[in-house]
C-alpha atoms as a PDB file:
ATOM      1  CA  MET A   1       4.788  -1.270  15.690  1.00  0.00           C
ATOM      2  CA  GLU A   2       8.062  -0.094  16.869  1.00  0.00           C
ATOM      3  CA  PHE A   3       9.894   2.888  15.226  1.00  0.00           C
ATOM      4  CA  LEU A   4      12.609   5.071  15.970  1.00  0.00           C
ATOM      5  CA  ARG A   5      12.172   9.273  15.285  1.00  0.00           C
ATOM      6  CA  THR A   6      15.303  11.209  14.703  1.00  0.00           C
ATOM      7  CA  PRO A   7      15.421  13.832  16.906  1.00  0.00           C
ATOM      8  CA  ASP A   8      14.465  17.272  15.388  1.00  0.00           C
ATOM      9  CA  GLU A   9      17.792  19.097  16.294  1.00  0.00           C
ATOM     10  CA  ARG A  10      19.416  16.765  14.252  1.00  0.00           C
ATOM     11  CA  PHE A  11      17.849  18.787  11.022  1.00  0.00           C
ATOM     12  CA  ALA A  12      18.696  22.090  12.298  1.00  0.00           C
ATOM     13  CA  ASN A  13      20.507  24.530  10.172  1.00  0.00           C
ATOM     14  CA  LEU A  14      20.966  22.483   7.023  1.00  0.00           C
ATOM     15  CA  PRO A  15      22.503  24.273   4.129  1.00  0.00           C
ATOM     16  CA  GLY A  16      19.777  25.063   1.691  1.00  0.00           C
ATOM     17  CA  TYR A  17      16.978  22.974   3.322  1.00  0.00           C
ATOM     18  CA  SER A  18      14.938  25.729   5.230  1.00  0.00           C
ATOM     19  CA  PHE A  19      11.422  24.400   4.260  1.00  0.00           C
ATOM     20  CA  ALA A  20       8.769  24.089   6.700  1.00  0.00           C
ATOM     21  CA  PRO A  21       7.923  20.673   7.996  1.00  0.00           C
ATOM     22  CA  HIS A  22       4.700  18.641   7.123  1.00  0.00           C
ATOM     23  CA  TYR A  23       3.650  15.537   8.849  1.00  0.00           C
ATOM     24  CA  LEU A  24       0.704  13.158   8.248  1.00  0.00           C
ATOM     25  CA  GLN A  25       0.140   9.648   9.708  1.00  0.00           C
ATOM     26  CA  VAL A  26       0.658   6.568   7.381  1.00  0.00           C
ATOM     27  CA  ASP A  27       0.001   3.148   8.995  1.00  0.00           C
ATOM     28  CA  SER A  28       0.382   4.497  12.591  1.00  0.00           C
ATOM     29  CA  LEU A  29       3.790   6.048  11.284  1.00  0.00           C
ATOM     30  CA  ARG A  30       4.507   9.717  11.042  1.00  0.00           C
ATOM     31  CA  MET A  31       5.413  10.911   7.379  1.00  0.00           C
ATOM     32  CA  HIS A  32       7.112  13.803   6.849  1.00  0.00           C
ATOM     33  CA  TYR A  33       7.011  16.208   3.632  1.00  0.00           C
ATOM     34  CA  VAL A  34       8.066  19.418   1.899  1.00  0.00           C
ATOM     35  CA  ASP A  35       5.071  21.185   0.686  1.00  0.00           C
ATOM     36  CA  GLU A  36       6.159  24.294  -1.080  1.00  0.00           C
ATOM     37  CA  GLY A  37       4.496  27.082  -3.830  1.00  0.00           C
ATOM     38  CA  PRO A  38       1.185  28.004  -4.571  1.00  0.00           C
ATOM     39  CA  ARG A  39      -1.411  25.397  -3.478  1.00  0.00           C
ATOM     40  CA  THR A  40      -3.155  26.038  -6.816  1.00  0.00           C
ATOM     41  CA  GLY A  41      -0.225  25.609  -9.222  1.00  0.00           C
ATOM     42  CA  PRO A  42       0.221  22.610 -10.825  1.00  0.00           C
ATOM     43  CA  LEU A  43       1.527  20.039  -9.016  1.00  0.00           C
ATOM     44  CA  ALA A  44       5.247  18.633  -8.902  1.00  0.00           C
ATOM     45  CA  LEU A  45       5.452  15.014  -6.912  1.00  0.00           C
ATOM     46  CA  LEU A  46       9.572  14.420  -6.416  1.00  0.00           C
ATOM     47  CA  LEU A  47      10.261  10.938  -5.082  1.00  0.00           C
ATOM     48  CA  HIS A  48      13.700  10.613  -3.684  1.00  0.00           C
ATOM     49  CA  GLY A  49      15.399   7.224  -3.449  1.00  0.00           C
ATOM     50  CA  GLU A  50      18.009   4.809  -1.548  1.00  0.00           C
ATOM     51  CA  PRO A  51      20.128   6.026   1.348  1.00  0.00           C
ATOM     52  CA  SER A  52      18.912   9.923   0.295  1.00  0.00           C
ATOM     53  CA  TRP A  53      15.850  11.985   1.568  1.00  0.00           C
ATOM     54  CA  SER A  54      13.984  14.920   0.538  1.00  0.00           C
ATOM     55  CA  TYR A  55      17.319  17.047   1.234  1.00  0.00           C
ATOM     56  CA  LEU A  56      18.430  15.421  -2.426  1.00  0.00           C
ATOM     57  CA  TYR A  57      15.518  17.575  -3.818  1.00  0.00           C
ATOM     58  CA  ARG A  58      16.634  21.006  -2.148  1.00  0.00           C
ATOM     59  CA  LYS A  59      18.220  22.645  -5.463  1.00  0.00           C
ATOM     60  CA  MET A  60      14.840  21.893  -7.457  1.00  0.00           C
ATOM     61  CA  ILE A  61      12.151  22.929  -4.951  1.00  0.00           C
ATOM     62  CA  PRO A  62      12.828  26.566  -4.802  1.00  0.00           C
ATOM     63  CA  PRO A  63      12.935  27.162  -8.619  1.00  0.00           C
ATOM     64  CA  LEU A  64       9.723  24.949  -9.163  1.00  0.00           C
ATOM     65  CA  ALA A  65       7.900  26.981  -6.495  1.00  0.00           C
ATOM     66  CA  ALA A  66       8.842  30.064  -8.135  1.00  0.00           C
ATOM     67  CA  ALA A  67       7.492  28.789 -11.559  1.00  0.00           C
ATOM     68  CA  GLY A  68       4.334  28.196  -9.681  1.00  0.00           C
ATOM     69  CA  PHE A  69       4.174  24.884  -8.821  1.00  0.00           C
ATOM     70  CA  ARG A  70       2.863  23.189  -5.761  1.00  0.00           C
ATOM     71  CA  VAL A  71       6.092  21.372  -5.136  1.00  0.00           C
ATOM     72  CA  VAL A  72       5.844  18.394  -2.625  1.00  0.00           C
ATOM     73  CA  ALA A  73       8.516  15.940  -1.610  1.00  0.00           C
ATOM     74  CA  PRO A  74       8.338  13.411   1.153  1.00  0.00           C
ATOM     75  CA  ASP A  75      10.491  11.189   2.863  1.00  0.00           C
ATOM     76  CA  LEU A  76       9.862   7.653   2.542  1.00  0.00           C
ATOM     77  CA  ILE A  77       9.004   5.573   5.571  1.00  0.00           C
ATOM     78  CA  GLY A  78      12.502   4.840   7.185  1.00  0.00           C
ATOM     79  CA  PHE A  79      14.244   7.884   5.885  1.00  0.00           C
ATOM     80  CA  GLY A  80      14.663  11.506   6.741  1.00  0.00           C
ATOM     81  CA  LYS A  81      12.409  13.151   8.992  1.00  0.00           C
ATOM     82  CA  SER A  82       9.985  10.462   8.509  1.00  0.00           C
ATOM     83  CA  ASP A  83       9.578   7.569  11.350  1.00  0.00           C
ATOM     84  CA  LYS A  84      11.877   4.273  10.864  1.00  0.00           C
ATOM     85  CA  PRO A  85      10.536   1.082  11.995  1.00  0.00           C
ATOM     86  CA  VAL A  86      13.072  -0.956  13.602  1.00  0.00           C
ATOM     87  CA  ASP A  87      12.130  -4.682  12.483  1.00  0.00           C
ATOM     88  CA  ALA A  88      13.796  -5.109   9.057  1.00  0.00           C
ATOM     89  CA  ASN A  89      11.118  -7.616   8.124  1.00  0.00           C
ATOM     90  CA  LEU A  90       8.437  -4.932   8.047  1.00  0.00           C
ATOM     91  CA  PHE A  91      10.064  -3.711   4.911  1.00  0.00           C
ATOM     92  CA  THR A  92       8.844  -4.962   1.904  1.00  0.00           C
ATOM     93  CA  TYR A  93       8.552  -3.724  -1.694  1.00  0.00           C
ATOM     94  CA  GLN A  94       4.516  -3.991  -1.236  1.00  0.00           C
ATOM     95  CA  ARG A  95       4.575  -2.366   2.015  1.00  0.00           C
ATOM     96  CA  HIS A  96       6.760   0.501   0.862  1.00  0.00           C
ATOM     97  CA  LEU A  97       4.420   0.914  -2.254  1.00  0.00           C
ATOM     98  CA  GLU A  98       1.283   1.299   0.208  1.00  0.00           C
ATOM     99  CA  TRP A  99       2.909   3.331   2.265  1.00  0.00           C
ATOM    100  CA  LEU A 100       3.435   5.771  -0.556  1.00  0.00           C
ATOM    101  CA  ARG A 101       0.103   5.126  -1.836  1.00  0.00           C
ATOM    102  CA  GLY A 102      -1.212   6.200   1.962  1.00  0.00           C
ATOM    103  CA  PHE A 103       0.866   9.304   1.398  1.00  0.00           C
ATOM    104  CA  VAL A 104      -0.761  10.373  -2.045  1.00  0.00           C
ATOM    105  CA  HIS A 105      -4.346   9.083  -1.040  1.00  0.00           C
ATOM    106  CA  ALA A 106      -4.123  11.077   2.176  1.00  0.00           C
ATOM    107  CA  LEU A 107      -3.338  14.489   0.493  1.00  0.00           C
ATOM    108  CA  ASP A 108      -5.899  13.486  -2.143  1.00  0.00           C
ATOM    109  CA  LEU A 109      -2.909  14.263  -4.770  1.00  0.00           C
ATOM    110  CA  ARG A 110      -4.015  14.667  -8.315  1.00  0.00           C
ATOM    111  CA  GLU A 111      -3.105  15.851 -11.711  1.00  0.00           C
ATOM    112  CA  ILE A 112       0.553  14.653 -10.602  1.00  0.00           C
ATOM    113  CA  ASN A 113       3.687  15.663 -12.220  1.00  0.00           C
ATOM    114  CA  MET A 114       6.275  13.033 -10.911  1.00  0.00           C
ATOM    115  CA  PHE A 115       9.861  13.261 -10.889  1.00  0.00           C
ATOM    116  CA  CYS A 116      11.478  10.334  -9.745  1.00  0.00           C
ATOM    117  CA  GLN A 117      15.050   8.719  -9.159  1.00  0.00           C
ATOM    118  CA  ASP A 118      16.155   5.777  -7.811  1.00  0.00           C
ATOM    119  CA  TRP A 119      13.380   3.860  -5.513  1.00  0.00           C
ATOM    120  CA  GLY A 120      11.408   6.872  -6.257  1.00  0.00           C
ATOM    121  CA  GLY A 121      10.995   5.243  -9.382  1.00  0.00           C
ATOM    122  CA  LEU A 122      10.664   1.611  -8.480  1.00  0.00           C
ATOM    123  CA  LEU A 123       7.813   2.715  -6.117  1.00  0.00           C
ATOM    124  CA  GLY A 124       6.491   5.863  -7.986  1.00  0.00           C
ATOM    125  CA  LEU A 125       6.233   4.152 -11.631  1.00  0.00           C
ATOM    126  CA  ARG A 126       4.603   0.867  -9.860  1.00  0.00           C
ATOM    127  CA  LEU A 127       1.987   3.300  -8.399  1.00  0.00           C
ATOM    128  CA  ALA A 128       1.364   5.462 -11.527  1.00  0.00           C
ATOM    129  CA  ALA A 129       0.776   2.120 -13.335  1.00  0.00           C
ATOM    130  CA  GLU A 130      -1.452   1.197 -10.736  1.00  0.00           C
ATOM    131  CA  GLU A 131      -3.285   4.572 -10.509  1.00  0.00           C
ATOM    132  CA  THR A 132      -2.791   6.197 -13.803  1.00  0.00           C
ATOM    133  CA  GLU A 133      -5.986   8.209 -13.234  1.00  0.00           C
ATOM    134  CA  ARG A 134      -4.288  10.604 -10.749  1.00  0.00           C
ATOM    135  CA  PHE A 135      -1.067  11.095 -13.006  1.00  0.00           C
ATOM    136  CA  ALA A 136      -0.792  13.946 -15.653  1.00  0.00           C
ATOM    137  CA  ARG A 137       2.942  13.610 -16.817  1.00  0.00           C
ATOM    138  CA  ILE A 138       6.342  11.415 -15.361  1.00  0.00           C
ATOM    139  CA  CYS A 139       9.647  12.179 -15.711  1.00  0.00           C
ATOM    140  CA  ALA A 140      12.224   9.427 -14.790  1.00  0.00           C
ATOM    141  CA  GLY A 141      15.623  10.090 -14.187  1.00  0.00           C
ATOM    142  CA  ASN A 142      18.427   7.406 -13.276  1.00  0.00           C
ATOM    143  CA  THR A 143      15.540   4.455 -12.250  1.00  0.00           C
ATOM    144  CA  PHE A 144      13.989   1.428 -13.426  1.00  0.00           C
ATOM    145  CA  LEU A 145      11.273  -0.970 -12.612  1.00  0.00           C
ATOM    146  CA  PRO A 146      12.837  -4.505 -12.601  1.00  0.00           C
ATOM    147  CA  THR A 147      11.265  -7.665 -12.912  1.00  0.00           C
ATOM    148  CA  GLY A 148      13.914  -9.678 -12.095  1.00  0.00           C
ATOM    149  CA  ASP A 149      13.475 -11.421 -15.966  1.00  0.00           C
ATOM    150  CA  ILE A 150      16.489  -9.589 -16.911  1.00  0.00           C
ATOM    151  CA  PRO A 151      19.720 -10.328 -14.728  1.00  0.00           C
ATOM    152  CA  PRO A 152      20.715  -7.263 -12.915  1.00  0.00           C
ATOM    153  CA  GLY A 153      24.146  -5.636 -13.702  1.00  0.00           C
ATOM    154  CA  GLU A 154      27.533  -5.972 -12.081  1.00  0.00           C
ATOM    155  CA  ALA A 155      27.446  -2.613 -10.567  1.00  0.00           C
ATOM    156  CA  PHE A 156      24.160  -3.400  -9.062  1.00  0.00           C
ATOM    157  CA  LEU A 157      25.161  -6.736  -7.274  1.00  0.00           C
ATOM    158  CA  LYS A 158      28.503  -5.232  -6.060  1.00  0.00           C
ATOM    159  CA  TRP A 159      26.211  -2.538  -4.445  1.00  0.00           C
ATOM    160  CA  ARG A 160      23.951  -4.892  -2.977  1.00  0.00           C
ATOM    161  CA  GLU A 161      26.793  -7.148  -1.699  1.00  0.00           C
ATOM    162  CA  PHE A 162      28.323  -3.955  -0.068  1.00  0.00           C
ATOM    163  CA  SER A 163      25.184  -2.843   1.426  1.00  0.00           C
ATOM    164  CA  GLN A 164      24.671  -5.943   3.561  1.00  0.00           C
ATOM    165  CA  ALA A 165      28.650  -6.741   4.185  1.00  0.00           C
ATOM    166  CA  VAL A 166      29.702  -3.158   5.442  1.00  0.00           C
ATOM    167  CA  LYS A 167      29.500  -2.951   9.269  1.00  0.00           C
ATOM    168  CA  ARG A 168      28.387   0.860   9.109  1.00  0.00           C
ATOM    169  CA  LEU A 169      26.660   1.757   6.075  1.00  0.00           C
ATOM    170  CA  PRO A 170      28.361   5.081   5.020  1.00  0.00           C
ATOM    171  CA  VAL A 171      25.448   6.950   4.254  1.00  0.00           C
ATOM    172  CA  ALA A 172      27.135  10.294   2.821  1.00  0.00           C
ATOM    173  CA  LYS A 173      29.927   8.578   1.515  1.00  0.00           C
ATOM    174  CA  ILE A 174      27.626   6.791  -0.514  1.00  0.00           C
ATOM    175  CA  VAL A 175      26.012   9.617  -1.901  1.00  0.00           C
ATOM    176  CA  GLN A 176      29.348  11.411  -2.407  1.00  0.00           C
ATOM    177  CA  ALA A 177      30.938   8.323  -4.471  1.00  0.00           C
ATOM    178  CA  SER A 178      27.540   8.442  -6.727  1.00  0.00           C
ATOM    179  CA  CYS A 179      27.811  12.265  -7.712  1.00  0.00           C
ATOM    180  CA  VAL A 180      30.206  13.905  -9.931  1.00  0.00           C
ATOM    181  CA  SER A 181      30.596  17.073  -7.891  1.00  0.00           C
ATOM    182  CA  ASN A 182      32.605  17.184  -4.741  1.00  0.00           C
ATOM    183  CA  LEU A 183      30.342  18.191  -1.654  1.00  0.00           C
ATOM    184  CA  SER A 184      31.012  19.949   1.184  1.00  0.00           C
ATOM    185  CA  SER A 185      31.429  18.797   4.531  1.00  0.00           C
ATOM    186  CA  GLU A 186      28.122  20.739   5.602  1.00  0.00           C
ATOM    187  CA  THR A 187      26.468  18.635   2.619  1.00  0.00           C
ATOM    188  CA  LEU A 188      27.376  15.220   3.750  1.00  0.00           C
ATOM    189  CA  ALA A 189      26.516  15.965   7.454  1.00  0.00           C
ATOM    190  CA  ALA A 190      23.377  16.644   5.982  1.00  0.00           C
ATOM    191  CA  TYR A 191      22.934  13.095   4.409  1.00  0.00           C
ATOM    192  CA  ASN A 192      23.806  11.905   7.667  1.00  0.00           C
ATOM    193  CA  ALA A 193      21.144  13.558   9.880  1.00  0.00           C
ATOM    194  CA  PRO A 194      18.697  11.397   9.724  1.00  0.00           C
ATOM    195  CA  TYR A 195      20.899   8.400  11.204  1.00  0.00           C
ATOM    196  CA  PRO A 196      22.112   9.268  14.680  1.00  0.00           C
ATOM    197  CA  ASP A 197      23.548   5.704  14.912  1.00  0.00           C
ATOM    198  CA  GLU A 198      23.043   2.196  12.617  1.00  0.00           C
ATOM    199  CA  THR A 199      19.690   1.512  14.275  1.00  0.00           C
ATOM    200  CA  TYR A 200      18.014   4.401  12.331  1.00  0.00           C
ATOM    201  CA  LYS A 201      19.160   2.579   9.010  1.00  0.00           C
ATOM    202  CA  VAL A 202      17.302  -0.228   8.861  1.00  0.00           C
ATOM    203  CA  ALA A 203      15.258   0.756   5.699  1.00  0.00           C
ATOM    204  CA  ALA A 204      18.498   1.887   3.715  1.00  0.00           C
ATOM    205  CA  ARG A 205      20.073  -1.383   4.904  1.00  0.00           C
ATOM    206  CA  ARG A 206      16.860  -3.283   3.154  1.00  0.00           C
ATOM    207  CA  PHE A 207      16.106  -1.354   0.054  1.00  0.00           C
ATOM    208  CA  PRO A 208      18.862  -2.957  -2.116  1.00  0.00           C
ATOM    209  CA  LEU A 209      17.480  -6.529  -0.942  1.00  0.00           C
ATOM    210  CA  LEU A 210      14.222  -5.377  -2.288  1.00  0.00           C
ATOM    211  CA  VAL A 211      15.266  -4.859  -5.813  1.00  0.00           C
ATOM    212  CA  PRO A 212      13.443  -7.963  -7.709  1.00  0.00           C
ATOM    213  CA  ALA A 213      16.712  -9.681  -9.229  1.00  0.00           C
ATOM    214  CA  THR A 214      15.358 -13.212 -10.079  1.00  0.00           C
ATOM    215  CA  PRO A 215      11.967 -13.784 -11.799  1.00  0.00           C
ATOM    216  CA  ASP A 216      10.206 -15.604  -8.720  1.00  0.00           C
ATOM    217  CA  ASP A 217      11.061 -12.373  -6.303  1.00  0.00           C
ATOM    218  CA  PRO A 218       7.900 -11.575  -4.206  1.00  0.00           C
ATOM    219  CA  ALA A 219       7.669  -8.131  -6.356  1.00  0.00           C
ATOM    220  CA  ALA A 220       8.347  -9.534  -9.674  1.00  0.00           C
ATOM    221  CA  GLU A 221       4.838 -10.321 -10.752  1.00  0.00           C
ATOM    222  CA  GLY A 222       3.549  -7.234  -9.473  1.00  0.00           C
ATOM    223  CA  ASN A 223       5.928  -5.008 -11.786  1.00  0.00           C
ATOM    224  CA  ARG A 224       5.536  -7.319 -14.656  1.00  0.00           C
ATOM    225  CA  ARG A 225       1.727  -6.120 -14.402  1.00  0.00           C
ATOM    226  CA  ALA A 226       2.587  -2.351 -13.917  1.00  0.00           C
ATOM    227  CA  TRP A 227       4.877  -2.949 -16.883  1.00  0.00           C
ATOM    228  CA  GLU A 228       1.830  -3.797 -18.997  1.00  0.00           C
ATOM    229  CA  SER A 229      -0.201  -0.750 -17.748  1.00  0.00           C
ATOM    230  CA  LEU A 230       3.019   1.443 -18.652  1.00  0.00           C
ATOM    231  CA  LYS A 231       3.061  -0.040 -21.919  1.00  0.00           C
ATOM    232  CA  ARG A 232      -0.160   1.772 -22.482  1.00  0.00           C
ATOM    233  CA  PHE A 233       0.562   4.668 -20.834  1.00  0.00           C
ATOM    234  CA  GLU A 234       0.233   7.563 -23.499  1.00  0.00           C
ATOM    235  CA  LYS A 235       0.316  10.465 -21.155  1.00  0.00           C
ATOM    236  CA  PRO A 236       3.717  12.361 -21.402  1.00  0.00           C
ATOM    237  CA  PHE A 237       6.565  10.219 -20.486  1.00  0.00           C
ATOM    238  CA  LEU A 238      10.145  12.108 -20.130  1.00  0.00           C
ATOM    239  CA  THR A 239      13.434  10.612 -19.380  1.00  0.00           C
ATOM    240  CA  LEU A 240      16.187  12.486 -17.691  1.00  0.00           C
ATOM    241  CA  PHE A 241      19.296  10.169 -17.113  1.00  0.00           C
ATOM    242  CA  SER A 242      22.754  11.396 -16.456  1.00  0.00           C
ATOM    243  CA  ASP A 243      25.738  10.345 -18.292  1.00  0.00           C
ATOM    244  CA  SER A 244      27.596   8.931 -15.259  1.00  0.00           C
ATOM    245  CA  ASP A 245      25.520   6.360 -13.523  1.00  0.00           C
ATOM    246  CA  PRO A 246      26.447   2.351 -13.916  1.00  0.00           C
ATOM    247  CA  ILE A 247      23.656   1.286 -12.025  1.00  0.00           C
ATOM    248  CA  THR A 248      20.796   2.648 -14.427  1.00  0.00           C
ATOM    249  CA  ARG A 249      22.534   3.070 -17.397  1.00  0.00           C
ATOM    250  CA  GLY A 250      20.353   2.016 -20.417  1.00  0.00           C
ATOM    251  CA  GLY A 251      17.094   2.158 -18.556  1.00  0.00           C
ATOM    252  CA  ASP A 252      16.144   5.459 -20.482  1.00  0.00           C
ATOM    253  CA  LEU A 253      16.150   3.589 -23.525  1.00  0.00           C
ATOM    254  CA  TYR A 254      14.372   0.771 -22.657  1.00  0.00           C
ATOM    255  CA  MET A 255      11.424   3.294 -21.238  1.00  0.00           C
ATOM    256  CA  ARG A 256      11.435   5.227 -24.351  1.00  0.00           C
ATOM    257  CA  ARG A 257      10.859   2.232 -26.317  1.00  0.00           C
ATOM    258  CA  TYR A 258       7.964   0.531 -24.839  1.00  0.00           C
ATOM    259  CA  ILE A 259       6.254   3.425 -22.915  1.00  0.00           C
ATOM    260  CA  PRO A 260       4.040   5.310 -25.785  1.00  0.00           C
ATOM    261  CA  GLY A 261       3.778   8.599 -23.658  1.00  0.00           C
ATOM    262  CA  ALA A 262       7.558   8.602 -24.283  1.00  0.00           C
ATOM    263  CA  LYS A 263       7.279   9.357 -27.939  1.00  0.00           C
ATOM    264  CA  GLY A 264       8.414  12.595 -29.370  1.00  0.00           C
ATOM    265  CA  GLN A 265       9.209  13.934 -26.013  1.00  0.00           C
ATOM    266  CA  PRO A 266      12.426  15.944 -25.410  1.00  0.00           C
ATOM    267  CA  HIS A 267      14.537  13.587 -23.701  1.00  0.00           C
ATOM    268  CA  GLU A 268      18.120  14.298 -22.591  1.00  0.00           C
ATOM    269  CA  THR A 269      21.007  12.925 -21.262  1.00  0.00           C
ATOM    270  CA  ILE A 270      22.423  15.471 -18.461  1.00  0.00           C
ATOM    271  CA  LEU A 271      25.710  15.796 -18.632  1.00  0.00           C
ATOM    272  CA  ALA A 272      28.680  15.590 -15.930  1.00  0.00           C
ATOM    273  CA  ALA A 273      26.470  14.002 -13.303  1.00  0.00           C
ATOM    274  CA  GLY A 274      25.761  11.027 -11.394  1.00  0.00           C
ATOM    275  CA  HIS A 275      23.524   8.630  -9.955  1.00  0.00           C
ATOM    276  CA  PHE A 276      22.574  11.213  -7.977  1.00  0.00           C
ATOM    277  CA  LEU A 277      21.649  13.843 -10.642  1.00  0.00           C
ATOM    278  CA  GLN A 278      19.464  16.233  -8.418  1.00  0.00           C
ATOM    279  CA  GLU A 279      22.717  16.577  -6.271  1.00  0.00           C
ATOM    280  CA  ASP A 280      24.976  17.501  -9.501  1.00  0.00           C
ATOM    281  CA  LYS A 281      22.365  19.318 -11.530  1.00  0.00           C
ATOM    282  CA  GLY A 282      19.495  19.886  -9.716  1.00  0.00           C
ATOM    283  CA  GLU A 283      18.877  23.709 -10.820  1.00  0.00           C
ATOM    284  CA  GLU A 284      19.179  22.384 -14.673  1.00  0.00           C
ATOM    285  CA  ILE A 285      16.826  19.582 -14.164  1.00  0.00           C
ATOM    286  CA  ALA A 286      14.528  21.956 -12.201  1.00  0.00           C
ATOM    287  CA  GLN A 287      14.559  24.079 -15.413  1.00  0.00           C
ATOM    288  CA  LYS A 288      14.141  21.358 -18.024  1.00  0.00           C
ATOM    289  CA  PHE A 289      11.306  19.717 -16.128  1.00  0.00           C
ATOM    290  CA  ALA A 290       9.193  22.931 -15.497  1.00  0.00           C
ATOM    291  CA  GLN A 291       9.655  23.994 -19.011  1.00  0.00           C
ATOM    292  CA  TRP A 292       8.464  20.652 -20.418  1.00  0.00           C
ATOM    293  CA  ILE A 293       5.214  21.250 -18.313  1.00  0.00           C
ATOM    294  CA  LEU A 294       4.692  24.751 -18.689  1.00  0.00           C
ATOM    295  CA  GLY A 295       6.135  25.230 -22.419  1.00  0.00           C
END
């Protein structure tokens, strides 16, 4: 499998991101992850989406580790410090799921307290539905698990069209446009760091096309089965969606209605936050997440 590996010097001295790198092999590819906090603490698994990487969680990792959590935040294959296959056809919903499954199995993660956002939810919720025994609690923020049976909203369709038409995918600008706060030039550079040029952005380009938008999508049936499992999921399930994300708006209400474990949980709307709510309100979300688990 042909792949690119972003040079380490691209990640030197990133603001707020001094975590030691960890790596493991998944399907002959090197996958990077952050692993902070006491190994004996409750496990917090933080899953990023598109086109971000584990840098998105830099505001949540330290307070969670300080609260006693073992915090694991991987870079999905094709993102961050993980290897980046160059063949676009290699990137399918199922293969991304298997890469994530391989990561969880390689570390033998159990009693997982998951926070998932964007594609972190499309993959994490699917995995939790298929391997419920590994998960203790789930917190979903600005994400969904589509089956294609409900037509996608206009905001998503515009994003998908833009992602394929634009000559150079402006990763940092996409992150900034999806935040309420103004990001520093150093922070924007950190989001661009994994991608020296367009050849490194194949996964980021493909993700919008992999969201099931029609009932006959290759991933639609698997997600329908996942929903049948989630409709029986009685472990605690929390939603922390933001107030300023047109793409996933309403997804929290659907989850609260159909997932049994969501009943009676302290669901909240994170104010003054965009799609990347971890960037806008990371410390606040970490505090709510920890308090929900630890009491």
